[in-house]
Structure formats: C-alpha cells, structure tokens
Protein backbone atom coordinates (compact mmCIF):
# COMPACT_ATOMS: atom_id res chain seq x y z
CA UNK A 1 0.00 0.00 0.00
CA UNK A 2 1.61 3.24 -1.16
CA UNK A 3 2.00 6.27 1.09
CA UNK A 4 0.72 9.61 -0.15
CA UNK A 5 2.44 12.90 0.62
CA UNK A 6 0.40 15.85 1.89
CA UNK A 7 1.89 19.31 2.39
CA UNK A 8 0.32 21.74 4.86
CA UNK A 9 0.71 25.35 3.73
CA UNK A 10 -0.71 28.67 4.85
CA UNK A 11 -0.13 32.08 6.34
CA UNK A 12 1.63 32.39 9.70
CA UNK A 13 -0.85 32.16 12.60
CA UNK A 14 -3.51 30.48 10.44
CA UNK A 15 -3.49 27.36 12.61
CA UNK A 16 -1.28 25.31 10.28
CA UNK A 17 1.01 23.90 12.96
CA UNK A 18 -1.98 23.27 15.25
CA UNK A 19 -3.54 21.16 12.50
CA UNK A 20 -0.21 19.37 11.96
CA UNK A 21 0.00 18.47 15.66
CA UNK A 22 -3.66 17.37 15.68
CA UNK A 23 -3.12 15.08 12.70
CA UNK A 24 0.26 13.58 13.60
CA UNK A 25 0.32 13.65 17.40
CA UNK A 26 3.63 12.22 18.60
CA UNK A 27 4.39 10.62 15.23
CA UNK A 28 6.54 13.46 13.95
CA UNK A 29 10.15 14.56 13.77
CA UNK A 30 11.81 17.91 13.27
CA UNK A 31 14.87 18.77 11.20
CA UNK A 32 16.09 21.44 8.78
CA UNK A 33 15.69 21.79 5.03
CA UNK A 34 18.99 21.10 3.21
CA UNK A 35 21.35 24.07 3.21
CA UNK A 36 19.14 26.38 5.28
CA UNK A 37 18.16 26.82 8.92
CA UNK A 38 14.41 26.79 8.21
CA UNK A 39 12.74 24.13 10.35
CA UNK A 40 11.29 21.07 8.61
CA UNK A 41 8.47 19.17 10.34
CA UNK A 42 7.33 15.80 9.08
CA UNK A 43 4.79 13.39 10.57
CA UNK A 44 2.61 10.37 9.83
CA UNK A 45 -1.15 10.05 9.54
CA UNK A 46 -3.27 6.91 9.26
CA UNK A 47 -6.62 7.12 7.48
CA UNK A 48 -9.68 5.20 8.63
CA UNK A 49 -9.10 2.88 5.66
CA UNK A 50 -5.65 2.00 6.98
CA UNK A 51 -3.84 3.95 4.27
CA UNK A 52 -0.81 6.00 5.30
CA UNK A 53 0.15 9.60 4.60
CA UNK A 54 3.32 11.58 5.19
CA UNK A 55 2.42 15.07 6.40
CA UNK A 56 4.86 17.93 5.72
CA UNK A 57 4.37 21.18 7.67
CA UNK A 58 5.74 23.83 5.30
CA UNK A 59 6.99 27.16 6.69
CA UNK A 60 4.27 29.79 7.11
CA UNK A 61 4.26 32.21 4.16
CA UNK A 62 2.16 35.09 2.86
CA UNK A 63 3.04 34.49 -0.80
CA UNK A 64 5.12 32.35 -3.15
CA UNK A 65 7.49 35.18 -4.03
CA UNK A 66 11.14 34.97 -2.99
CA UNK A 67 10.91 37.70 -0.33
CA UNK A 68 12.03 35.45 2.53
CA UNK A 69 13.83 32.15 3.02
CA UNK A 70 10.58 30.57 4.26
CA UNK A 71 8.82 31.46 1.01
CA UNK A 72 11.68 30.10 -1.09
CA UNK A 73 11.75 26.85 0.90
CA UNK A 74 7.97 26.36 0.65
CA UNK A 75 7.92 27.07 -3.09
CA UNK A 76 10.94 24.90 -3.86
CA UNK A 77 9.40 22.00 -1.97
CA UNK A 78 6.15 22.22 -3.94
CA UNK A 79 7.90 22.51 -7.30
CA UNK A 80 10.64 19.93 -6.75
CA UNK A 81 8.95 17.34 -4.54
CA UNK A 82 5.45 17.70 -6.05
CA UNK A 83 3.35 16.41 -3.12
CA UNK A 84 0.19 14.50 -3.96
CA UNK A 85 -2.00 17.13 -2.27
CA UNK A 86 -1.53 20.55 -0.71
CA UNK A 87 -3.84 21.41 2.17
CA UNK A 88 -4.03 25.19 2.29
CA UNK A 89 -5.01 26.28 5.81
CA UNK A 90 -6.80 29.64 5.84
CA UNK A 91 -8.06 31.83 8.67
CA UNK A 92 -11.82 31.95 8.04
CA UNK A 93 -12.10 35.22 9.98
CA UNK A 94 -9.60 36.91 7.61
CA UNK A 95 -10.43 35.04 4.44
CA UNK A 96 -9.70 37.71 1.83
CA UNK A 97 -6.11 38.17 3.03
CA UNK A 98 -5.51 34.42 3.32
CA UNK A 99 -6.88 33.64 -0.14
CA UNK A 100 -4.02 35.65 -1.68
CA UNK A 101 -1.72 32.68 -1.05
CA UNK A 102 -4.45 30.28 -2.20
CA UNK A 103 -4.65 32.16 -5.49
CA UNK A 104 -0.93 31.71 -6.03
CA UNK A 105 -1.27 27.97 -5.38
CA UNK A 106 -4.00 27.87 -8.02
CA UNK A 107 -1.75 29.74 -10.46
CA UNK A 108 1.01 27.23 -9.77
CA UNK A 109 -1.52 24.47 -10.47
CA UNK A 110 -1.00 22.30 -7.38
CA UNK A 111 -3.73 19.79 -6.40
CA UNK A 112 -5.23 21.61 -3.42
CA UNK A 113 -7.80 21.32 -0.66
CA UNK A 114 -8.67 24.52 1.24
CA UNK A 115 -9.23 24.19 4.99
CA UNK A 116 -11.35 27.01 6.40
CA UNK A 117 -9.85 27.03 9.88
CA UNK A 118 -11.13 28.94 12.93
CA UNK A 119 -14.65 28.83 11.57
CA UNK A 120 -15.85 29.31 15.16
CA UNK A 121 -13.95 32.62 15.43
CA UNK A 122 -15.53 33.76 12.17
CA UNK A 123 -19.00 32.91 13.47
CA UNK A 124 -18.33 34.81 16.71
CA UNK A 125 -17.48 37.83 14.57
CA UNK A 126 -20.76 37.52 12.68
CA UNK A 127 -19.14 36.12 9.52
CA UNK A 128 -21.01 33.41 7.60
CA UNK A 129 -19.20 31.43 4.91
CA UNK A 130 -20.65 29.24 2.17
CA UNK A 131 -17.91 26.64 1.80
CA UNK A 132 -19.66 24.80 -1.04
CA UNK A 133 -20.12 28.01 -3.03
CA UNK A 134 -16.43 28.85 -2.58
CA UNK A 135 -15.49 25.32 -3.68
CA UNK A 136 -17.61 25.64 -6.82
CA UNK A 137 -16.07 28.98 -7.75
CA UNK A 138 -12.44 27.99 -7.10
CA UNK A 139 -12.97 24.42 -8.37
CA UNK A 140 -11.20 22.90 -5.36
CA UNK A 141 -12.58 21.13 -2.24
CA UNK A 142 -13.22 23.52 0.67
CA UNK A 143 -13.70 22.04 4.16
CA UNK A 144 -14.58 24.08 7.32
CA UNK A 145 -12.52 22.94 10.33
CA UNK A 146 -11.51 23.90 13.85
CA UNK A 147 -7.90 22.66 14.09
CA UNK A 148 -7.71 23.33 17.81
CA UNK A 149 -10.48 20.86 18.65
CA UNK A 150 -10.07 18.57 15.64
CA UNK A 151 -13.58 19.29 14.32
CA UNK A 152 -13.80 18.69 10.59
CA UNK A 153 -10.30 17.20 10.28
CA UNK A 154 -11.61 13.73 9.36
CA UNK A 155 -13.63 15.23 6.49
CA UNK A 156 -10.59 17.30 5.46
CA UNK A 157 -8.30 14.29 5.29
CA UNK A 158 -10.93 12.26 3.43
CA UNK A 159 -11.13 15.01 0.81
CA UNK A 160 -7.33 15.09 0.55
CA UNK A 161 -7.18 11.31 0.11
CA UNK A 162 -9.88 11.38 -2.58
CA UNK A 163 -8.02 14.13 -4.46
CA UNK A 164 -4.72 12.24 -4.20
CA UNK A 165 -6.32 9.11 -5.70
CA UNK A 166 -7.50 11.11 -8.72
CA UNK A 167 -3.86 11.72 -9.75
CA UNK A 168 -4.88 15.04 -11.27
CA UNK A 169 -2.46 16.80 -13.60
CA UNK A 170 -1.24 20.17 -12.36
CA UNK A 171 -3.58 22.67 -14.00
CA UNK A 172 -2.56 26.32 -13.48
CA UNK A 173 -5.24 29.00 -13.09
CA UNK A 174 -4.98 31.93 -15.52
CA UNK A 175 -5.99 35.31 -14.08
CA UNK A 176 -6.27 38.34 -16.33
CA UNK A 177 -3.94 41.16 -15.28
CA UNK A 178 -5.01 43.75 -17.82
CA UNK A 179 -4.27 44.02 -21.52
CA UNK A 180 -0.65 45.20 -21.21
CA UNK A 181 0.45 42.58 -18.70
CA UNK A 182 -1.54 39.78 -20.36
CA UNK A 183 0.10 40.51 -23.72
CA UNK A 184 3.56 40.47 -22.12
CA UNK A 185 2.75 37.20 -20.33
CA UNK A 186 1.56 35.62 -23.58
CA UNK A 187 4.70 36.68 -25.46
CA UNK A 188 7.00 35.49 -22.67
CA UNK A 189 5.16 32.19 -22.22
CA UNK A 190 5.43 31.45 -25.96
CA UNK A 191 9.17 32.13 -25.88
CA UNK A 192 9.62 29.99 -22.75
CA UNK A 193 7.69 27.11 -24.33
CA UNK A 194 9.57 27.29 -27.63
CA UNK A 195 12.94 27.24 -25.86
CA UNK A 196 11.98 24.66 -23.22
CA UNK A 197 13.16 27.21 -20.69
CA UNK A 198 12.98 25.52 -17.23
CA UNK A 199 9.65 23.94 -18.26
CA UNK A 200 10.56 20.65 -16.56
CA UNK A 201 9.70 22.22 -13.20
CA UNK A 202 7.68 25.36 -13.94
CA UNK A 203 4.62 26.18 -16.06
CA UNK A 204 5.56 28.74 -18.78
CA UNK A 205 3.00 31.38 -17.77
CA UNK A 206 3.93 31.05 -14.09
CA UNK A 207 7.59 31.57 -14.99
CA UNK A 208 6.65 34.67 -16.97
CA UNK A 209 4.72 35.97 -13.94
CA UNK A 210 7.75 35.52 -11.70
CA UNK A 211 9.91 37.45 -14.15
CA UNK A 212 7.40 40.31 -14.18
CA UNK A 213 7.23 40.26 -10.38
CA UNK A 214 11.01 40.60 -10.23
CA UNK A 215 11.52 37.27 -8.45
CA UNK A 216 15.26 37.22 -7.73
CA UNK A 217 15.56 33.44 -7.31
CA UNK A 218 13.78 32.62 -10.58
CA UNK A 219 15.80 35.23 -12.47
CA UNK A 220 19.04 33.84 -11.08
CA UNK A 221 18.05 30.33 -12.10
CA UNK A 222 17.11 31.64 -15.55
CA UNK A 223 20.49 33.31 -16.05
CA UNK A 224 22.22 30.05 -15.17
CA UNK A 225 19.90 27.85 -17.25
CA UNK A 226 19.94 29.81 -20.53
CA UNK A 227 21.46 33.32 -20.55
CA UNK A 228 20.16 34.12 -24.04
CA UNK A 229 16.49 33.37 -23.26
CA UNK A 230 16.86 35.07 -19.88
CA UNK A 231 18.09 38.23 -21.65
CA UNK A 232 15.08 38.16 -24.01
CA UNK A 233 12.66 37.84 -21.09
CA UNK A 234 14.40 40.60 -19.17
CA UNK A 235 14.07 42.87 -22.21
CA UNK A 236 10.31 42.24 -22.37
CA UNK A 237 10.04 42.95 -18.63
CA UNK A 238 11.98 46.21 -19.00
CA UNK A 239 9.78 47.33 -21.89
CA UNK A 240 6.45 46.59 -20.22
CA UNK A 241 7.66 48.05 -16.90
CA UNK A 242 8.61 51.32 -18.60
CA UNK A 243 5.26 51.44 -20.39
CA UNK A 244 3.26 50.79 -17.21
CA UNK A 245 5.25 53.36 -15.26
CA UNK A 246 4.69 55.94 -17.98
CA UNK A 247 0.96 55.30 -18.46
CA UNK A 248 -0.15 54.21 -14.96
CA UNK A 249 2.75 55.15 -12.67
CA UNK A 250 2.80 51.57 -11.44
CA UNK A 251 5.13 48.58 -11.56
CA UNK A 252 4.10 45.14 -12.88
CA UNK A 253 4.28 43.47 -9.45
CA UNK A 254 1.86 46.05 -8.00
CA UNK A 255 -0.61 45.57 -10.85
CA UNK A 256 -0.39 41.79 -10.51
CA UNK A 257 -1.09 42.00 -6.75
CA UNK A 258 -4.04 44.36 -7.33
CA UNK A 259 -5.61 42.05 -9.89
CA UNK A 260 -5.15 39.03 -7.63
CA UNK A 261 -7.05 40.81 -4.88
CA UNK A 262 -9.61 41.85 -7.47
CA UNK A 263 -10.08 38.20 -8.41
CA UNK A 264 -10.46 37.25 -4.74
CA UNK A 265 -13.05 39.98 -4.14
CA UNK A 266 -15.01 38.93 -7.22
CA UNK A 267 -15.21 35.40 -5.80
CA UNK A 268 -16.17 36.43 -2.26
CA UNK A 269 -18.87 38.82 -3.46
CA UNK A 270 -20.78 35.97 -5.09
CA UNK A 271 -22.59 35.23 -1.83
CA UNK A 272 -19.59 33.35 -0.41
CA UNK A 273 -19.25 35.58 2.65
CA UNK A 274 -21.88 37.54 4.55
CA UNK A 275 -21.46 39.76 7.58
CA UNK A 276 -23.99 39.83 10.40
CA UNK A 277 -22.40 42.94 11.92
CA UNK A 278 -21.08 46.14 10.40
CA UNK A 279 -17.95 45.24 8.42
CA UNK A 280 -16.13 48.24 9.94
CA UNK A 281 -17.06 47.22 13.49
CA UNK A 282 -14.07 47.05 15.84
CA UNK A 283 -13.70 43.73 17.62
CA UNK A 284 -12.21 43.43 21.11
CA UNK A 285 -8.77 42.53 19.71
CA UNK A 286 -8.93 45.55 17.38
CA UNK A 287 -9.71 47.88 20.27
CA UNK A 288 -6.82 46.40 22.28
CA UNK A 289 -4.53 46.88 19.28
CA UNK A 290 -5.44 50.56 19.03
CA UNK A 291 -4.14 51.04 22.58
CA UNK A 292 -1.12 48.70 22.55
CA UNK A 293 0.22 49.99 19.22
CA UNK A 294 -0.43 53.67 19.91
CA UNK A 295 2.82 55.56 19.30
CA UNK A 296 2.47 57.50 22.57
CA UNK A 297 0.71 55.10 24.97
CA UNK A 298 2.30 51.93 23.50
CA UNK A 299 5.88 52.60 24.67
CA UNK A 300 4.66 53.39 28.19
CA UNK A 301 2.73 50.11 28.31
CA UNK A 302 5.77 48.29 26.92
CA UNK A 303 8.00 49.68 29.70
CA UNK A 304 5.41 48.66 32.28
CA UNK A 305 5.24 45.14 30.84
CA UNK A 306 9.04 44.83 30.82
CA UNK A 307 9.14 46.05 34.43
CA UNK A 308 6.49 43.46 35.30
CA UNK A 309 8.54 40.75 33.57
CA UNK A 310 11.64 41.86 35.52
CA UNK A 311 9.68 41.81 38.80
CA UNK A 312 8.12 38.42 38.01
CA UNK A 313 11.49 36.86 37.11
CA UNK A 314 13.42 37.98 40.19
CA UNK A 315 10.57 37.63 42.70
CA UNK A 316 9.52 34.08 41.87
CA UNK A 317 13.03 32.77 41.15
CA UNK A 318 14.34 33.97 44.52
CA UNK A 319 13.21 30.88 46.43
CA UNK A 320 14.57 28.19 44.01
CA UNK A 321 17.83 30.16 43.74
CA UNK A 322 18.11 30.09 47.56
CA UNK A 323 17.40 26.33 47.53
CA UNK A 324 20.20 25.73 45.03
CA UNK A 325 22.61 27.92 46.98
CA UNK A 326 21.78 26.00 50.18
CA UNK A 327 22.15 22.65 48.43
CA UNK A 328 25.54 23.43 46.89
CA UNK A 329 26.69 25.04 50.16
CA UNK A 330 25.80 21.85 51.99
CA UNK A 331 27.46 19.73 49.28
CA UNK A 332 30.63 21.81 49.47
CA UNK A 333 30.68 21.64 53.27
CA UNK A 334 30.20 17.87 53.22
CA UNK A 335 33.04 17.46 50.74
CA UNK A 336 35.24 19.75 52.85
CA UNK A 337 34.61 17.60 55.90
CA UNK A 338 34.97 14.17 54.28
CA UNK A 339 37.77 14.56 51.74
CA UNK A 340 41.47 14.76 52.67
CA UNK A 341 43.40 17.87 51.74
CA UNK A 342 44.96 17.83 48.31
CA UNK A 343 44.50 18.71 44.65
CA UNK A 344 41.50 16.40 44.20
CA UNK A 345 39.64 18.05 47.08
CA UNK A 346 40.45 21.51 45.76
CA UNK A 347 39.29 20.58 42.26
CA UNK A 348 36.00 19.03 43.43
CA UNK A 349 35.08 21.85 45.83
CA UNK A 350 36.40 24.94 44.03
CA UNK A 351 36.00 23.64 40.50
CA UNK A 352 33.11 21.21 40.23
CA UNK A 353 30.79 22.04 43.15
CA UNK A 354 31.31 25.82 43.27
CA UNK A 355 31.37 25.98 39.44
CA UNK A 356 28.13 24.04 39.03
CA UNK A 357 26.53 25.97 41.87
CA UNK A 358 27.45 29.29 40.25
CA UNK A 359 26.01 28.25 36.89
CA UNK A 360 22.88 26.43 38.08
CA UNK A 361 22.09 29.34 40.39
CA UNK A 362 21.03 31.30 37.29
CA UNK A 363 18.82 28.54 35.87
CA UNK A 364 15.65 29.43 37.85
CA UNK A 365 15.90 33.08 36.76
CA UNK A 366 16.36 32.05 33.12
CA UNK A 367 13.44 29.62 33.33
CA UNK A 368 11.06 32.20 34.78
CA UNK A 369 12.23 34.85 32.30
CA UNK A 370 11.65 32.60 29.28
CA UNK A 371 8.32 31.48 30.71
CA UNK A 372 7.25 35.11 30.91
CA UNK A 373 8.51 35.80 27.37
CA UNK A 374 6.64 32.73 26.08
CA UNK A 375 3.40 34.04 27.58
CA UNK A 376 3.95 37.45 25.97
CA UNK A 377 4.69 35.82 22.61
CA UNK A 378 1.73 33.43 22.66
CA UNK A 379 -0.60 36.26 23.66
CA UNK A 380 0.47 38.18 20.55
CA UNK A 381 1.87 41.10 22.54
CA UNK A 382 5.41 40.83 21.16
CA UNK A 383 4.12 41.07 17.58
CA UNK A 384 2.23 44.22 18.56
CA UNK A 385 5.39 45.64 20.18
CA UNK A 386 7.33 45.04 16.95
CA UNK A 387 4.62 46.81 14.95
CA UNK A 388 4.49 49.67 17.45
CA UNK A 389 8.28 50.16 17.47
CA UNK A 390 8.27 50.44 13.67
CA UNK A 391 5.92 53.41 14.02
CA UNK A 392 7.81 55.20 16.80
C-alpha cells in the first residue's frame, strides 16, 4: 500500500502547525531543510481505511514570491517534490487576506484542498461562509474545520485522500492582469515554451509571472539555465515596466497583486461571505490593538510590561535560587569535611561544586524569564510591540 504525501501550507498564525499536531500527534520529527536553517516538520497520519500519509508542515508564508527564506523553501518543496496534495489552511475570519496565497497555489496548479480554519472565530465575529459556493467557484474542495479541537479534520483528510487518488495533472489557473500585462505574459510564455526554458519544473505562464514580479531566485536560475532566453525575457520585462510606469505610474508586481485581490473579491462577493455585523465594526482585539500599538501610549505600556517581567522573574526565582545555593553550600561543606586535603579536594570543591553551583544558580531566573517571554509571545503582545516600534 503506497504512502501519499500531503503538504500543509498557509499564512503564519492560520493554525497550520496546530492542525499538523492534531493530525500527527507524537508521530513526527523535526529537522532542517537542506542548506538552510528553516525548520522542517514531518509526521505520519493513518486514514480510517488503513492507508498511510506523510504530512509535511511547510513554513508559514504570505506568498510564493522569494521575499524570505521561508517562502523560497515552501515554493521549492512544492515545485521539486510535487506532493500529492496541498492542504491550504486559511483563517476563516480573515479570508480575503488568506486567499491571496491560495490564489498563487491555483496559479502554480497544485492539487489543493482549502481548509477554512477557525470557523468558530468567524462565526463569533458575525461572519457566515458558504464553503460549497467557494469550492464551486475555485474548483477545489473547501472544508470548514476547527484545528484546535479537531472538528472537521476527518472530512478534510478524506477530501485530501480522494483528491490524491484522482492523480490530477497540475492545472494552473490563468488570471487576467489587464491588456498590457496579459500581452507580455503571452509573449514570454510562448518564448519559454519554444525554448523549453525551465519547463521541466515550472509552467511557462507562471515563470513569466515571476519574471514580471522581479523574483530574484527565478531570475538567477534563468540566467544560469539559458542566458540568451533570460536576456530576451528581461528585455520584455523592462519594456512593459517602462510602459506601465509611464501610463499608470505603477510597476508590474503592484498591478499583478491588485488584480489578484480583485479576483479574490469577485469570488467572495458571489454570496460566499456575509457579515452579520457592520464590516467596519471594531472587535475586542482591534480595540486592544489601538491602545497597545499607539505611538504614545504603546511605549509606556511596553516599559510597564518589561518592568512586570523583571519583577516576576526575580521575585519568583528567589526561592529556588536560595534552595540551590543552600544545596551546593551543603554539598561543598560535606566534601570539605569528608575529603582529605589535596589537589582532588580543591578541584572538586572549588572547581566542580562551586562551578556548578554558580552556573545552576542562574537557571531558575532564566526559566522564569523565558516562561514570561513565552506568555507574551503566545498572547500576541510581542508582535504588537514590533509593529508599534516600527511606528515610533
């Protein structure tokens, strides 16, 4: 019985790793992708039918452009390893933003199942989603889930298994980006096809898109693969970029991004998403953000939080530090009384016992400090501090 490969992909904080842990439990191991320090998580999943799947938790990304090492790693894995299915985890309460990555998966042509995660959060915010309508419009399975509780995950994995068994050919989605860009894409795709320019791994139109978006990794690969064709494509990019800048004061990558969001909005407006409350209504987290990220109040709150962390660390670590000091003091005194004078005694007391006591005496403080930092990070406060500091 063959094992299928399923890649989990999605935006950071979309619940991707939560779903990975729910599916694989303890049957997982962590390493690094070759040549980079990006973490690679891999686990096993057993279907109700007894069939096996290898689950790959790809790095969280906002796009498939080479803006970060995580995005390069995720894209390279999809293109080179070609998993049987990609499960795209989306935050149902921020669907428009999350579907930007989904659209790029569709343009790449990967066999995909969309998981509408945190559907409960969306409902609490008065957001209703028609998953079947979205599936019909995007022509991919769409399954509502709650990764935290495991609700809907069985249906999600069943849909992924069914899609994997179809052995569908990668079929890239073509989005119109306006007459000027579309014409450039058509010309570049024809040249790429005629020359067989990196077409073993990439669809011609997708390659042309990456050239127009100024993707540094793809351009570097192109220069290495065939410098002559690369120069022709670069010339087309330069010409269309100059034309767009002259007529619209915009660059190709900006126009491409705008049209992608336009495509997403056109899909969502077809009765896919409805809002019970005012769409501009501020939720509790939004109101908290307005205070925590305020350029005047935010730094004061940050100093207060750091002072609280300092107080928490030194107050609660005081007792375990005293215990360790007492223990190593007793151990040193016992060794002093029992061992005969000499180099061995001096080494054990002054070197080993006093040395270990001096080092381990800091462990409780470090533990409490990192515990406090972990709470701040998991609460989302550190991300808000980073955003606030950028504005100060």
